[in-house]
Amino acid sequence: QVRLVESGGGLVQAGGSLRLSCFAPGFSNSAIGWFRQAPGKEREFVASITKNGGNTGSADTVKGRFTHSREYAKNTVYLQMNSPEPADTAVYYCAADLSTGEWDYWGQGTQVTVST
């Protein structure tokens, strides 16, 4: 079942900014992870955040550029993408971990395209 909904994707120029949202009602006590899958490539981890809003890590390729945060009142997590690069072009997904150590629920993804 799709219980998380990503939004905010689109076309952005390299060096610009974009904020992705993950609407995740019912997952306030769950860790949320961001993943992406570029055309012809396997899905890769981007960043994750704990149920308390702590950053549990991010991929080296996005460190210093992407920021992960939560807004509990809106049941939403965000991925702020600053200075995106063409290599960041991918479908971005958010997922929830129900304290099992696995990503149990996934969103449908939102396309991010970074132009030069």
C-alpha atoms as a PDB file:
ATOM      1  CA  GLN A   1       0.000   0.000   0.000  1.00  0.00           C
ATOM      2  CA  VAL A   2       1.095   3.533  -0.727  1.00  0.00           C
ATOM      3  CA  ARG A   3       0.749   5.513   2.466  1.00  0.00           C
ATOM      4  CA  LEU A   4       3.379   8.157   1.920  1.00  0.00           C
ATOM      5  CA  VAL A   5       3.069  10.808  -0.750  1.00  0.00           C
ATOM      6  CA  GLU A   6       6.007  12.732  -2.139  1.00  0.00           C
ATOM      7  CA  SER A   7       5.627  16.091  -3.784  1.00  0.00           C
ATOM      8  CA  GLY A   8       7.671  19.102  -4.761  1.00  0.00           C
ATOM      9  CA  GLY A   9       9.600  17.576  -7.598  1.00  0.00           C
ATOM     10  CA  GLY A  10      10.063  19.230 -10.916  1.00  0.00           C
ATOM     11  CA  LEU A  11      12.606  20.875 -13.130  1.00  0.00           C
ATOM     12  CA  VAL A  12      15.281  22.919 -11.431  1.00  0.00           C
ATOM     13  CA  GLN A  13      18.415  24.536 -12.736  1.00  0.00           C
ATOM     14  CA  ALA A  14      21.741  23.371 -11.401  1.00  0.00           C
ATOM     15  CA  GLY A  15      22.745  25.535  -8.482  1.00  0.00           C
ATOM     16  CA  GLY A  16      19.174  26.406  -7.615  1.00  0.00           C
ATOM     17  CA  SER A  17      17.059  24.919  -4.876  1.00  0.00           C
ATOM     18  CA  LEU A  18      14.099  22.647  -4.461  1.00  0.00           C
ATOM     19  CA  ARG A  19      12.199  21.303  -1.494  1.00  0.00           C
ATOM     20  CA  LEU A  20      10.628  17.897  -1.560  1.00  0.00           C
ATOM     21  CA  SER A  21       7.825  16.989   0.798  1.00  0.00           C
ATOM     22  CA  CYS A  22       6.751  13.629   2.093  1.00  0.00           C
ATOM     23  CA  PHE A  23       3.255  13.539   3.509  1.00  0.00           C
ATOM     24  CA  ALA A  24       3.327  10.663   5.970  1.00  0.00           C
ATOM     25  CA  PRO A  25       0.270  10.576   8.193  1.00  0.00           C
ATOM     26  CA  GLY A  26       0.456   7.982  10.925  1.00  0.00           C
ATOM     27  CA  PHE A  27       4.236   7.775  10.939  1.00  0.00           C
ATOM     28  CA  SER A  28       5.089  10.276  13.652  1.00  0.00           C
ATOM     29  CA  ASN A  29       6.901   7.549  15.562  1.00  0.00           C
ATOM     30  CA  SER A  30       8.689   6.206  12.534  1.00  0.00           C
ATOM     31  CA  ALA A  31      12.017   6.948  11.006  1.00  0.00           C
ATOM     32  CA  ILE A  32      11.737   8.351   7.507  1.00  0.00           C
ATOM     33  CA  GLY A  33      14.222   7.783   4.759  1.00  0.00           C
ATOM     34  CA  TRP A  34      14.734   9.405   1.399  1.00  0.00           C
ATOM     35  CA  PHE A  35      15.871   7.372  -1.556  1.00  0.00           C
ATOM     36  CA  ARG A  36      16.281   8.061  -5.212  1.00  0.00           C
ATOM     37  CA  GLN A  37      16.520   6.128  -8.408  1.00  0.00           C
ATOM     38  CA  ALA A  38      18.078   7.593 -11.500  1.00  0.00           C
ATOM     39  CA  PRO A  39      17.281   6.289 -14.976  1.00  0.00           C
ATOM     40  CA  GLY A  40      19.043   3.006 -15.553  1.00  0.00           C
ATOM     41  CA  LYS A  41      20.407   2.858 -12.029  1.00  0.00           C
ATOM     42  CA  GLU A  42      19.530   1.110  -8.817  1.00  0.00           C
ATOM     43  CA  ARG A  43      17.771   2.849  -5.994  1.00  0.00           C
ATOM     44  CA  GLU A  44      20.154   4.544  -3.613  1.00  0.00           C
ATOM     45  CA  PHE A  45      19.942   5.948  -0.142  1.00  0.00           C
ATOM     46  CA  VAL A  46      19.880   9.716   0.196  1.00  0.00           C
ATOM     47  CA  ALA A  47      19.168  10.580   3.818  1.00  0.00           C
ATOM     48  CA  SER A  48      17.243   9.441   6.856  1.00  0.00           C
ATOM     49  CA  ILE A  49      15.745  11.054   9.922  1.00  0.00           C
ATOM     50  CA  THR A  50      14.696   9.549  13.229  1.00  0.00           C
ATOM     51  CA  LYS A  51      11.252   9.695  14.758  1.00  0.00           C
ATOM     52  CA  ASN A  52      12.560  12.504  16.958  1.00  0.00           C
ATOM     53  CA  GLY A  53      13.850  14.505  14.048  1.00  0.00           C
ATOM     54  CA  GLY A  54      17.486  13.602  14.372  1.00  0.00           C
ATOM     55  CA  ASN A  55      19.565  13.140  11.273  1.00  0.00           C
ATOM     56  CA  THR A  56      20.826   9.585  11.129  1.00  0.00           C
ATOM     57  CA  GLY A  57      22.942  10.078   8.078  1.00  0.00           C
ATOM     58  CA  SER A  58      23.076  11.014   4.454  1.00  0.00           C
ATOM     59  CA  ALA A  59      24.875   9.931   1.348  1.00  0.00           C
ATOM     60  CA  ASP A  60      28.275  11.471   0.793  1.00  0.00           C
ATOM     61  CA  THR A  61      27.105  12.802  -2.538  1.00  0.00           C
ATOM     62  CA  VAL A  62      24.501  15.058  -0.916  1.00  0.00           C
ATOM     63  CA  LYS A  63      26.170  16.050   2.339  1.00  0.00           C
ATOM     64  CA  GLY A  64      26.342  19.781   2.714  1.00  0.00           C
ATOM     65  CA  ARG A  65      23.701  20.303   0.057  1.00  0.00           C
ATOM     66  CA  PHE A  66      20.597  18.418   1.181  1.00  0.00           C
ATOM     67  CA  THR A  67      18.859  18.967   4.494  1.00  0.00           C
ATOM     68  CA  HIS A  68      16.306  16.622   6.018  1.00  0.00           C
ATOM     69  CA  SER A  69      13.693  17.848   8.490  1.00  0.00           C
ATOM     70  CA  ARG A  70      10.298  17.019   9.951  1.00  0.00           C
ATOM     71  CA  GLU A  71       7.210  19.077  10.640  1.00  0.00           C
ATOM     72  CA  TYR A  72       5.103  16.909  12.894  1.00  0.00           C
ATOM     73  CA  ALA A  73       2.079  19.202  12.937  1.00  0.00           C
ATOM     74  CA  LYS A  74       1.716  18.631   9.202  1.00  0.00           C
ATOM     75  CA  ASN A  75       2.728  14.971   9.231  1.00  0.00           C
ATOM     76  CA  THR A  76       5.368  15.930   6.742  1.00  0.00           C
ATOM     77  CA  VAL A  77       9.065  15.463   6.255  1.00  0.00           C
ATOM     78  CA  TYR A  78      11.122  17.595   3.937  1.00  0.00           C
ATOM     79  CA  LEU A  79      14.207  17.226   1.855  1.00  0.00           C
ATOM     80  CA  GLN A  80      15.682  20.605   1.074  1.00  0.00           C
ATOM     81  CA  MET A  81      17.856  20.371  -1.980  1.00  0.00           C
ATOM     82  CA  ASN A  82      20.344  23.183  -2.297  1.00  0.00           C
ATOM     83  CA  SER A  83      22.713  23.483  -5.210  1.00  0.00           C
ATOM     84  CA  PRO A  84      21.365  20.420  -6.974  1.00  0.00           C
ATOM     85  CA  GLU A  85      23.476  18.965  -9.710  1.00  0.00           C
ATOM     86  CA  PRO A  86      22.542  17.080 -12.879  1.00  0.00           C
ATOM     87  CA  ALA A  87      23.659  13.903 -11.122  1.00  0.00           C
ATOM     88  CA  ASP A  88      20.844  14.460  -8.632  1.00  0.00           C
ATOM     89  CA  THR A  89      18.278  13.858 -11.347  1.00  0.00           C
ATOM     90  CA  ALA A  90      16.160  10.934 -10.226  1.00  0.00           C
ATOM     91  CA  VAL A  91      12.827   9.845  -8.901  1.00  0.00           C
ATOM     92  CA  TYR A  92      12.857  10.545  -5.188  1.00  0.00           C
ATOM     93  CA  TYR A  93      11.026   8.335  -2.741  1.00  0.00           C
ATOM     94  CA  CYS A  94      10.349   8.544   0.952  1.00  0.00           C
ATOM     95  CA  ALA A  95       9.914   5.492   3.117  1.00  0.00           C
ATOM     96  CA  ALA A  96       8.952   4.743   6.687  1.00  0.00           C
ATOM     97  CA  ASP A  97      10.555   2.310   9.088  1.00  0.00           C
ATOM     98  CA  LEU A  98       8.130   0.907  11.648  1.00  0.00           C
ATOM     99  CA  SER A  99      10.942   0.143  14.089  1.00  0.00           C
ATOM    100  CA  THR A 100      11.753  -3.085  12.321  1.00  0.00           C
ATOM    101  CA  GLY A 101      14.985  -1.997  10.740  1.00  0.00           C
ATOM    102  CA  GLU A 102      13.360  -2.235   7.336  1.00  0.00           C
ATOM    103  CA  TRP A 103      11.661   0.331   5.162  1.00  0.00           C
ATOM    104  CA  ASP A 104       8.115  -0.957   5.385  1.00  0.00           C
ATOM    105  CA  TYR A 105       6.140   1.693   3.538  1.00  0.00           C
ATOM    106  CA  TRP A 106       6.975   3.694   0.469  1.00  0.00           C
ATOM    107  CA  GLY A 107       5.610   6.608  -1.445  1.00  0.00           C
ATOM    108  CA  GLN A 108       5.033   6.710  -5.175  1.00  0.00           C
ATOM    109  CA  GLY A 109       7.987   8.959  -5.872  1.00  0.00           C
ATOM    110  CA  THR A 110       8.426  12.423  -7.305  1.00  0.00           C
ATOM    111  CA  GLN A 111      10.573  13.264 -10.286  1.00  0.00           C
ATOM    112  CA  VAL A 112      13.427  15.710  -9.898  1.00  0.00           C
ATOM    113  CA  THR A 113      15.208  16.865 -13.014  1.00  0.00           C
ATOM    114  CA  VAL A 114      18.234  19.107 -12.729  1.00  0.00           C
ATOM    115  CA  SER A 115      19.174  20.986 -15.845  1.00  0.00           C
ATOM    116  CA  THR A 116      22.489  22.555 -16.732  1.00  0.00           C
END
